[in-house]
Amino acid sequence: MDVIAESVQRVHERRASITGLKMVYEPKYLRFFQARFEKL
């Protein structure tokens, strides 16, 4: 649990610099396993 707490704390501290992803390709089946993404 200590490792998880430290990881969450580091992510929280860097939250302003972390960007998301945009889905640019979405297959008919297994969407999240075969999809392609680009950084925002």
C-alpha atoms as a PDB file:
ATOM      1  CA  MET A   1       0.000   0.000   0.000  1.00  0.00           C
ATOM      2  CA  ASP A   2       2.922   2.370   0.605  1.00  0.00           C
ATOM      3  CA  VAL A   3       4.017   2.048  -3.034  1.00  0.00           C
ATOM      4  CA  ILE A   4       0.489   2.800  -4.244  1.00  0.00           C
ATOM      5  CA  ALA A   5       0.185   5.833  -1.964  1.00  0.00           C
ATOM      6  CA  GLU A   6       3.544   7.209  -3.141  1.00  0.00           C
ATOM      7  CA  SER A   7       2.597   6.677  -6.795  1.00  0.00           C
ATOM      8  CA  VAL A   8      -0.724   8.465  -6.370  1.00  0.00           C
ATOM      9  CA  GLN A   9       1.030  11.326  -4.595  1.00  0.00           C
ATOM     10  CA  ARG A  10       3.558  11.700  -7.453  1.00  0.00           C
ATOM     11  CA  VAL A  11       0.791  11.708 -10.057  1.00  0.00           C
ATOM     12  CA  HIS A  12      -1.141  14.293  -8.032  1.00  0.00           C
ATOM     13  CA  GLU A  13       1.945  16.538  -7.830  1.00  0.00           C
ATOM     14  CA  ARG A  14       2.458  16.330 -11.620  1.00  0.00           C
ATOM     15  CA  ARG A  15      -1.237  16.670 -12.537  1.00  0.00           C
ATOM     16  CA  ALA A  16      -0.770  20.018 -14.316  1.00  0.00           C
ATOM     17  CA  SER A  17       1.822  18.592 -16.722  1.00  0.00           C
ATOM     18  CA  ILE A  18       0.034  15.309 -17.497  1.00  0.00           C
ATOM     19  CA  THR A  19      -2.022  15.394 -20.697  1.00  0.00           C
ATOM     20  CA  GLY A  20      -4.613  12.991 -22.009  1.00  0.00           C
ATOM     21  CA  LEU A  21      -5.060  10.913 -25.143  1.00  0.00           C
ATOM     22  CA  LYS A  22      -7.431  11.193 -28.088  1.00  0.00           C
ATOM     23  CA  MET A  23      -8.723   8.076 -29.842  1.00  0.00           C
ATOM     24  CA  VAL A  24      -7.892   8.321 -33.554  1.00  0.00           C
ATOM     25  CA  TYR A  25      -8.836   4.789 -34.623  1.00  0.00           C
ATOM     26  CA  GLU A  26     -11.605   2.635 -33.195  1.00  0.00           C
ATOM     27  CA  PRO A  27     -12.120  -0.905 -34.544  1.00  0.00           C
ATOM     28  CA  LYS A  28     -15.512  -2.584 -34.517  1.00  0.00           C
ATOM     29  CA  TYR A  29     -14.419  -5.298 -32.067  1.00  0.00           C
ATOM     30  CA  LEU A  30     -12.080  -5.187 -29.055  1.00  0.00           C
ATOM     31  CA  ARG A  31     -12.195  -1.399 -29.100  1.00  0.00           C
ATOM     32  CA  PHE A  32      -9.818  -0.646 -26.220  1.00  0.00           C
ATOM     33  CA  PHE A  33      -7.326  -3.362 -27.094  1.00  0.00           C
ATOM     34  CA  GLN A  34      -6.855  -2.419 -30.751  1.00  0.00           C
ATOM     35  CA  ALA A  35      -7.601   1.315 -30.714  1.00  0.00           C
ATOM     36  CA  ARG A  36      -4.953   3.876 -31.612  1.00  0.00           C
ATOM     37  CA  PHE A  37      -4.391   7.080 -29.654  1.00  0.00           C
ATOM     38  CA  GLU A  38      -2.598  10.427 -30.050  1.00  0.00           C
ATOM     39  CA  LYS A  39      -1.445  12.759 -27.299  1.00  0.00           C
ATOM     40  CA  LEU A  40      -3.568  15.860 -26.767  1.00  0.00           C
END
